[in-house]
Each structure stands twice: as structure tokens, then as C-alpha cells.
Amino acid sequence: MGFEQVVFKFLGRLSREDLLVLLLLVFLIFENRCDRNFKIILLVIFLSGLEQGVFGR
């Protein structure tokens, strides 16, 4: 299984809210418009909001 397939499979399992937080985090990382602590907080919010079954399916 290729890397792209794994990524798309993972993104397909995310809920809409998780996807929005992830996209916001990626946008802020590329734009470099906020400090490191805010990026870490967004990453923690994203990881804590994931369902238990996202990685286990």
C-alpha cells in the first residue's frame, strides 16, 4: 500500500470537525503566522478529538 493510499484512507475516516482543525493547523504552519505554543495547542486539540477507532480500523 502506497503512502498516498494510507493518507487518503486516514483522511477519509476523520470527522468534519477534525478535518477543519487539521487544515487550520497545516495552514498556520505554512503561513507561519502564529507562535509555536499556539500550534502545539492546536495539535493537542486535534489529537485529543480523534475517535478511538480511527487508528484501529
PDB file of N, CA and C in Angstrom:
ATOM      1  N   MET A   1       0.850  -1.167   0.000  1.00  0.00           N
ATOM      2  CA  MET A   1       0.000   0.000   0.000  1.00  0.00           C
ATOM      3  C   MET A   1       0.899   1.234   0.000  1.00  0.00           C
ATOM      4  N   GLY A   2       0.631   2.170  -0.904  1.00  0.00           N
ATOM      5  CA  GLY A   2       1.445   3.368  -1.022  1.00  0.00           C
ATOM      6  C   GLY A   2       1.125   4.389   0.057  1.00  0.00           C
ATOM      7  N   PHE A   3       2.015   5.333   0.193  1.00  0.00           N
ATOM      8  CA  PHE A   3       1.858   6.385   1.196  1.00  0.00           C
ATOM      9  C   PHE A   3       0.595   7.203   0.950  1.00  0.00           C
ATOM     10  N   GLU A   4       0.310   7.492  -0.317  1.00  0.00           N
ATOM     11  CA  GLU A   4      -0.872   8.279  -0.646  1.00  0.00           C
ATOM     12  C   GLU A   4      -2.154   7.557  -0.239  1.00  0.00           C
ATOM     13  N   GLN A   5      -2.183   6.242  -0.444  1.00  0.00           N
ATOM     14  CA  GLN A   5      -3.361   5.466  -0.068  1.00  0.00           C
ATOM     15  C   GLN A   5      -3.583   5.491   1.431  1.00  0.00           C
ATOM     16  N   VAL A   6      -2.511   5.406   2.199  1.00  0.00           N
ATOM     17  CA  VAL A   6      -2.626   5.445   3.654  1.00  0.00           C
ATOM     18  C   VAL A   6      -3.138   6.801   4.103  1.00  0.00           C
ATOM     19  N   VAL A   7      -2.617   7.873   3.527  1.00  0.00           N
ATOM     20  CA  VAL A   7      -3.043   9.219   3.895  1.00  0.00           C
ATOM     21  C   VAL A   7      -4.510   9.435   3.554  1.00  0.00           C
ATOM     22  N   PHE A   8      -4.922   9.044   2.347  1.00  0.00           N
ATOM     23  CA  PHE A   8      -6.315   9.248   1.961  1.00  0.00           C
ATOM     24  C   PHE A   8      -7.264   8.373   2.777  1.00  0.00           C
ATOM     25  N   LYS A   9      -6.842   7.201   3.153  1.00  0.00           N
ATOM     26  CA  LYS A   9      -7.657   6.334   3.998  1.00  0.00           C
ATOM     27  C   LYS A   9      -7.843   6.972   5.375  1.00  0.00           C
ATOM     28  N   PHE A  10      -6.743   7.522   5.922  1.00  0.00           N
ATOM     29  CA  PHE A  10      -6.811   8.198   7.222  1.00  0.00           C
ATOM     30  C   PHE A  10      -7.699   9.439   7.149  1.00  0.00           C
ATOM     31  N   LEU A  11      -7.535  10.254   6.106  1.00  0.00           N
ATOM     32  CA  LEU A  11      -8.348  11.464   5.971  1.00  0.00           C
ATOM     33  C   LEU A  11      -9.820  11.132   5.769  1.00  0.00           C
ATOM     34  N   GLY A  12     -10.112  10.019   5.134  1.00  0.00           N
ATOM     35  CA  GLY A  12     -11.498   9.607   4.936  1.00  0.00           C
ATOM     36  C   GLY A  12     -12.188   9.218   6.225  1.00  0.00           C
ATOM     37  N   ARG A  13     -11.424   8.812   7.222  1.00  0.00           N
ATOM     38  CA  ARG A  13     -12.003   8.404   8.498  1.00  0.00           C
ATOM     39  C   ARG A  13     -12.208   9.568   9.458  1.00  0.00           C
ATOM     40  N   LEU A  14     -11.667  10.735   9.138  1.00  0.00           N
ATOM     41  CA  LEU A  14     -11.802  11.883  10.030  1.00  0.00           C
ATOM     42  C   LEU A  14     -13.199  12.489   9.927  1.00  0.00           C
ATOM     43  N   SER A  15     -13.661  13.011  11.045  1.00  0.00           N
ATOM     44  CA  SER A  15     -14.928  13.736  11.007  1.00  0.00           C
ATOM     45  C   SER A  15     -14.680  15.127  10.431  1.00  0.00           C
ATOM     46  N   ARG A  16     -15.727  15.831  10.143  1.00  0.00           N
ATOM     47  CA  ARG A  16     -15.610  17.159   9.551  1.00  0.00           C
ATOM     48  C   ARG A  16     -14.886  18.128  10.486  1.00  0.00           C
ATOM     49  N   GLU A  17     -15.182  18.046  11.781  1.00  0.00           N
ATOM     50  CA  GLU A  17     -14.548  18.949  12.744  1.00  0.00           C
ATOM     51  C   GLU A  17     -13.056  18.673  12.856  1.00  0.00           C
ATOM     52  N   ASP A  18     -12.677  17.386  12.892  1.00  0.00           N
ATOM     53  CA  ASP A  18     -11.258  17.031  12.961  1.00  0.00           C
ATOM     54  C   ASP A  18     -10.515  17.498  11.721  1.00  0.00           C
ATOM     55  N   LEU A  19     -11.149  17.377  10.589  1.00  0.00           N
ATOM     56  CA  LEU A  19     -10.528  17.794   9.338  1.00  0.00           C
ATOM     57  C   LEU A  19     -10.320  19.308   9.316  1.00  0.00           C
ATOM     58  N   LEU A  20     -11.275  20.064   9.834  1.00  0.00           N
ATOM     59  CA  LEU A  20     -11.128  21.516   9.873  1.00  0.00           C
ATOM     60  C   LEU A  20      -9.991  21.949  10.792  1.00  0.00           C
ATOM     61  N   VAL A  21      -9.862  21.309  11.945  1.00  0.00           N
ATOM     62  CA  VAL A  21      -8.761  21.635  12.853  1.00  0.00           C
ATOM     63  C   VAL A  21      -7.433  21.286  12.204  1.00  0.00           C
ATOM     64  N   LEU A  22      -7.360  20.151  11.532  1.00  0.00           N
ATOM     65  CA  LEU A  22      -6.132  19.750  10.854  1.00  0.00           C
ATOM     66  C   LEU A  22      -5.772  20.726   9.738  1.00  0.00           C
ATOM     67  N   LEU A  23      -6.745  21.137   8.949  1.00  0.00           N
ATOM     68  CA  LEU A  23      -6.480  22.084   7.870  1.00  0.00           C
ATOM     69  C   LEU A  23      -6.051  23.444   8.415  1.00  0.00           C
ATOM     70  N   LEU A  24      -6.649  23.879   9.512  1.00  0.00           N
ATOM     71  CA  LEU A  24      -6.232  25.130  10.144  1.00  0.00           C
ATOM     72  C   LEU A  24      -4.796  25.039  10.632  1.00  0.00           C
ATOM     73  N   LEU A  25      -4.451  23.914  11.232  1.00  0.00           N
ATOM     74  CA  LEU A  25      -3.086  23.707  11.712  1.00  0.00           C
ATOM     75  C   LEU A  25      -2.085  23.719  10.556  1.00  0.00           C
ATOM     76  N   VAL A  26      -2.399  23.031   9.485  1.00  0.00           N
ATOM     77  CA  VAL A  26      -1.499  22.992   8.323  1.00  0.00           C
ATOM     78  C   VAL A  26      -1.362  24.384   7.705  1.00  0.00           C
ATOM     79  N   PHE A  27      -2.465  25.117   7.606  1.00  0.00           N
ATOM     80  CA  PHE A  27      -2.420  26.471   7.053  1.00  0.00           C
ATOM     81  C   PHE A  27      -1.538  27.380   7.898  1.00  0.00           C
ATOM     82  N   LEU A  28      -1.691  27.318   9.206  1.00  0.00           N
ATOM     83  CA  LEU A  28      -0.891  28.177  10.079  1.00  0.00           C
ATOM     84  C   LEU A  28       0.590  27.796  10.057  1.00  0.00           C
ATOM     85  N   ILE A  29       0.875  26.525   9.879  1.00  0.00           N
ATOM     86  CA  ILE A  29       2.278  26.106   9.779  1.00  0.00           C
ATOM     87  C   ILE A  29       2.905  26.656   8.495  1.00  0.00           C
ATOM     88  N   PHE A  30       2.190  26.573   7.378  1.00  0.00           N
ATOM     89  CA  PHE A  30       2.746  27.059   6.122  1.00  0.00           C
ATOM     90  C   PHE A  30       2.838  28.580   6.077  1.00  0.00           C
ATOM     91  N   GLU A  31       1.882  29.263   6.660  1.00  0.00           N
ATOM     92  CA  GLU A  31       1.891  30.726   6.653  1.00  0.00           C
ATOM     93  C   GLU A  31       2.813  31.311   7.710  1.00  0.00           C
ATOM     94  N   ASN A  32       3.113  30.526   8.751  1.00  0.00           N
ATOM     95  CA  ASN A  32       3.981  30.953   9.842  1.00  0.00           C
ATOM     96  C   ASN A  32       3.477  32.252  10.479  1.00  0.00           C
ATOM     97  N   ARG A  33       2.164  32.293  10.753  1.00  0.00           N
ATOM     98  CA  ARG A  33       1.535  33.492  11.280  1.00  0.00           C
ATOM     99  C   ARG A  33       1.293  33.455  12.782  1.00  0.00           C
ATOM    100  N   CYS A  34       1.639  32.390  13.442  1.00  0.00           N
ATOM    101  CA  CYS A  34       1.386  32.304  14.873  1.00  0.00           C
ATOM    102  C   CYS A  34       2.588  31.685  15.573  1.00  0.00           C
ATOM    103  N   ASP A  35       2.576  31.788  16.889  1.00  0.00           N
ATOM    104  CA  ASP A  35       3.722  31.275  17.635  1.00  0.00           C
ATOM    105  C   ASP A  35       3.648  29.763  17.797  1.00  0.00           C
ATOM    106  N   ARG A  36       4.741  29.200  18.251  1.00  0.00           N
ATOM    107  CA  ARG A  36       4.880  27.749  18.379  1.00  0.00           C
ATOM    108  C   ARG A  36       3.902  27.165  19.387  1.00  0.00           C
ATOM    109  N   ASN A  37       3.627  27.880  20.472  1.00  0.00           N
ATOM    110  CA  ASN A  37       2.727  27.361  21.504  1.00  0.00           C
ATOM    111  C   ASN A  37       1.302  27.195  20.979  1.00  0.00           C
ATOM    112  N   PHE A  38       0.847  28.131  20.158  1.00  0.00           N
ATOM    113  CA  PHE A  38      -0.498  28.013  19.589  1.00  0.00           C
ATOM    114  C   PHE A  38      -0.593  26.814  18.650  1.00  0.00           C
ATOM    115  N   LYS A  39       0.455  26.554  17.894  1.00  0.00           N
ATOM    116  CA  LYS A  39       0.470  25.395  17.003  1.00  0.00           C
ATOM    117  C   LYS A  39       0.434  24.095  17.803  1.00  0.00           C
ATOM    118  N   ILE A  40       1.150  24.066  18.916  1.00  0.00           N
ATOM    119  CA  ILE A  40       1.152  22.873  19.765  1.00  0.00           C
ATOM    120  C   ILE A  40      -0.227  22.654  20.368  1.00  0.00           C
ATOM    121  N   ILE A  41      -0.878  23.728  20.802  1.00  0.00           N
ATOM    122  CA  ILE A  41      -2.227  23.613  21.366  1.00  0.00           C
ATOM    123  C   ILE A  41      -3.199  23.082  20.316  1.00  0.00           C
ATOM    124  N   LEU A  42      -3.116  23.580  19.082  1.00  0.00           N
ATOM    125  CA  LEU A  42      -3.990  23.076  18.018  1.00  0.00           C
ATOM    126  C   LEU A  42      -3.722  21.609  17.726  1.00  0.00           C
ATOM    127  N   LEU A  43      -2.463  21.204  17.762  1.00  0.00           N
ATOM    128  CA  LEU A  43      -2.131  19.796  17.540  1.00  0.00           C
ATOM    129  C   LEU A  43      -2.698  18.916  18.649  1.00  0.00           C
ATOM    130  N   VAL A  44      -2.622  19.380  19.890  1.00  0.00           N
ATOM    131  CA  VAL A  44      -3.193  18.620  21.014  1.00  0.00           C
ATOM    132  C   VAL A  44      -4.705  18.523  20.877  1.00  0.00           C
ATOM    133  N   ILE A  45      -5.350  19.607  20.478  1.00  0.00           N
ATOM    134  CA  ILE A  45      -6.806  19.583  20.271  1.00  0.00           C
ATOM    135  C   ILE A  45      -7.167  18.585  19.179  1.00  0.00           C
ATOM    136  N   PHE A  46      -6.400  18.580  18.103  1.00  0.00           N
ATOM    137  CA  PHE A  46      -6.668  17.651  17.006  1.00  0.00           C
ATOM    138  C   PHE A  46      -6.511  16.205  17.458  1.00  0.00           C
ATOM    139  N   LEU A  47      -5.417  15.916  18.140  1.00  0.00           N
ATOM    140  CA  LEU A  47      -5.157  14.537  18.560  1.00  0.00           C
ATOM    141  C   LEU A  47      -6.126  14.073  19.642  1.00  0.00           C
ATOM    142  N   SER A  48      -6.527  14.971  20.542  1.00  0.00           N
ATOM    143  CA  SER A  48      -7.464  14.563  21.589  1.00  0.00           C
ATOM    144  C   SER A  48      -8.879  14.406  21.055  1.00  0.00           C
ATOM    145  N   GLY A  49      -9.183  15.056  19.940  1.00  0.00           N
ATOM    146  CA  GLY A  49     -10.519  14.972  19.374  1.00  0.00           C
ATOM    147  C   GLY A  49     -10.738  13.780  18.466  1.00  0.00           C
ATOM    148  N   LEU A  50      -9.673  13.075  18.144  1.00  0.00           N
ATOM    149  CA  LEU A  50      -9.816  11.908  17.269  1.00  0.00           C
ATOM    150  C   LEU A  50     -10.580  10.803  17.975  1.00  0.00           C
ATOM    151  N   GLU A  51     -11.375  10.114  17.216  1.00  0.00           N
ATOM    152  CA  GLU A  51     -12.097   8.979  17.769  1.00  0.00           C
ATOM    153  C   GLU A  51     -11.129   7.844  18.052  1.00  0.00           C
ATOM    154  N   GLN A  52     -11.508   6.960  18.943  1.00  0.00           N
ATOM    155  CA  GLN A  52     -10.644   5.840  19.289  1.00  0.00           C
ATOM    156  C   GLN A  52     -10.437   4.899  18.112  1.00  0.00           C
ATOM    157  N   GLY A  53     -11.416   4.778  17.245  1.00  0.00           N
ATOM    158  CA  GLY A  53     -11.333   3.793  16.182  1.00  0.00           C
ATOM    159  C   GLY A  53     -10.629   4.251  14.925  1.00  0.00           C
ATOM    160  N   VAL A  54     -10.166   5.489  14.872  1.00  0.00           N
ATOM    161  CA  VAL A  54      -9.541   5.995  13.644  1.00  0.00           C
ATOM    162  C   VAL A  54      -8.273   5.214  13.331  1.00  0.00           C
ATOM    163  N   PHE A  55      -7.458   4.943  14.353  1.00  0.00           N
ATOM    164  CA  PHE A  55      -6.213   4.231  14.119  1.00  0.00           C
ATOM    165  C   PHE A  55      -6.399   2.721  14.142  1.00  0.00           C
ATOM    166  N   GLY A  56      -7.470   2.238  14.753  1.00  0.00           N
ATOM    167  CA  GLY A  56      -7.632   0.805  14.926  1.00  0.00           C
ATOM    168  C   GLY A  56      -8.337   0.085  13.814  1.00  0.00           C
ATOM    169  N   ARG A  57      -8.989   0.793  12.924  1.00  0.00           N
ATOM    170  CA  ARG A  57      -9.763   0.118  11.866  1.00  0.00           C
ATOM    171  C   ARG A  57      -8.907  -0.424  10.783  1.00  0.00           C
TER     172      ARG A  57
END
